[in-house]
Amino acid sequence: MRLFVYGTLLVPDIQRRVLGRELAGQTASASGYECRQLADTPYPIAVAAPEAILKGMLVDVHAKEWPILDDYEGSCYQRRVISVQVGSETEEAWCYLASPKGQASTRPL
């Protein structure tokens, strides 16, 4: 299953620093989520928002990279499966969304 990214993992320099490579992907969106800011940090965090559409990219991730990404995202994020739109197609993908801890400390962008 692929990963939907919407924040810092869209940045090639961060991709190289975290995974040692750039991620190839497709422009995508996820209905029902919005990007907020994790309080007291510069980091974006996605939360449920029924009328919103979160824009990002759908990328391929190698099995050995999942633990690295889980560690990078930390305890304020939780990897969950969501529906993602790529053009006219919909597919299921992993996404790092706000965990209960992260949800409690967000603010509007």
Protein backbone atom coordinates (compact mmCIF):
# COMPACT_ATOMS: atom_id res chain seq x y z
CA MET A 1 0.00 0.00 0.00
CA ARG A 2 1.25 3.49 -0.84
CA LEU A 3 1.64 6.55 1.40
CA PHE A 4 -0.23 9.85 1.06
CA VAL A 5 2.03 12.74 2.11
CA TYR A 6 0.92 16.34 2.63
CA GLY A 7 3.55 18.11 4.72
CA THR A 8 7.27 17.95 5.30
CA LEU A 9 7.59 14.69 3.35
CA LEU A 10 6.68 16.62 0.19
CA VAL A 11 10.09 18.33 0.43
CA PRO A 12 12.84 16.48 -1.50
CA ASP A 13 15.58 17.57 0.96
CA ILE A 14 13.62 16.08 3.85
CA GLN A 15 12.88 12.91 1.88
CA ARG A 16 16.62 12.46 1.26
CA ARG A 17 17.47 13.18 4.91
CA VAL A 18 14.86 10.76 6.30
CA LEU A 19 14.93 7.95 3.70
CA GLY A 20 18.13 8.58 1.76
CA ARG A 21 16.23 9.04 -1.49
CA GLU A 22 13.62 11.20 -3.21
CA LEU A 23 10.08 9.86 -3.36
CA ALA A 24 8.40 9.58 -6.74
CA GLY A 25 4.66 10.01 -6.75
CA GLN A 26 1.44 11.40 -8.13
CA THR A 27 -0.57 14.46 -7.18
CA ALA A 28 -3.47 13.33 -4.98
CA SER A 29 -6.06 14.57 -2.50
CA ALA A 30 -7.99 13.26 0.48
CA SER A 31 -11.53 14.44 1.15
CA GLY A 32 -12.56 14.93 4.75
CA TYR A 33 -9.20 16.13 6.10
CA GLU A 34 -7.51 19.48 6.57
CA CYS A 35 -4.00 20.57 7.36
CA ARG A 36 -3.44 22.35 10.67
CA GLN A 37 -0.28 23.22 12.56
CA LEU A 38 1.07 21.20 15.44
CA ALA A 39 1.12 23.81 18.24
CA ASP A 40 4.50 25.33 19.11
CA THR A 41 6.15 23.70 16.08
CA PRO A 42 6.48 24.51 12.38
CA TYR A 43 4.99 21.12 11.45
CA PRO A 44 1.73 20.52 9.58
CA ILE A 45 -0.67 17.88 10.87
CA ALA A 46 -3.82 16.48 9.24
CA VAL A 47 -7.09 16.25 11.15
CA ALA A 48 -10.59 15.15 10.19
CA ALA A 49 -12.68 17.99 8.73
CA PRO A 50 -15.81 16.83 6.86
CA GLU A 51 -15.95 19.67 4.29
CA ALA A 52 -12.20 19.93 3.63
CA ILE A 53 -9.90 18.50 0.98
CA LEU A 54 -6.25 17.83 1.81
CA LYS A 55 -3.87 18.10 -1.14
CA GLY A 56 -0.69 16.09 -1.31
CA MET A 57 1.13 13.33 -3.15
CA LEU A 58 0.77 9.56 -3.27
CA VAL A 59 4.18 7.88 -3.06
CA ASP A 60 5.67 4.40 -3.10
CA VAL A 61 7.42 3.31 0.09
CA HIS A 62 9.63 0.24 0.56
CA ALA A 63 8.73 -2.16 3.39
CA LYS A 64 12.00 -1.42 5.22
CA GLU A 65 11.15 2.31 5.25
CA TRP A 66 7.93 2.09 7.29
CA PRO A 67 9.69 1.87 10.70
CA ILE A 68 11.89 4.84 9.71
CA LEU A 69 8.83 6.88 8.77
CA ASP A 70 6.97 5.86 11.93
CA ASP A 71 9.94 7.06 13.99
CA TYR A 72 10.24 10.30 11.98
CA GLU A 73 6.56 11.15 12.48
CA GLY A 74 6.62 10.52 16.25
CA SER A 75 3.85 10.22 18.82
CA CYS A 76 1.72 13.16 17.61
CA TYR A 77 1.00 11.28 14.38
CA GLN A 78 -0.70 7.96 13.75
CA ARG A 79 -0.44 5.98 10.51
CA ARG A 80 -3.95 5.11 9.28
CA VAL A 81 -5.54 3.96 6.04
CA ILE A 82 -7.60 6.59 4.20
CA SER A 83 -9.22 6.94 0.78
CA VAL A 84 -7.20 9.06 -1.64
CA GLN A 85 -8.22 10.48 -5.01
CA VAL A 86 -5.69 10.30 -7.85
CA GLY A 87 -7.26 11.84 -10.93
CA SER A 88 -10.60 10.07 -11.38
CA GLU A 89 -9.52 7.01 -9.38
CA THR A 90 -9.80 6.35 -5.64
CA GLU A 91 -7.43 4.11 -3.72
CA GLU A 92 -6.64 3.24 -0.14
CA ALA A 93 -3.33 4.55 1.20
CA TRP A 94 -1.53 5.00 4.46
CA CYS A 95 -1.41 8.55 5.85
CA TYR A 96 0.07 10.06 9.00
CA LEU A 97 -2.86 11.79 10.71
CA ALA A 98 -3.08 13.43 14.11
CA SER A 99 -2.96 10.95 16.97
CA PRO A 100 -5.05 11.75 20.06
CA LYS A 101 -1.97 13.50 21.47
CA GLY A 102 -1.45 15.46 18.24
CA GLN A 103 -5.16 16.28 17.91
CA ALA A 104 -5.11 17.90 21.32
CA SER A 105 -2.35 20.31 20.32
CA THR A 106 -3.27 21.68 16.89
CA ARG A 107 -4.08 25.17 15.70
CA PRO A 108 -5.21 26.65 12.37
CA LEU A 109 -2.50 27.37 9.81
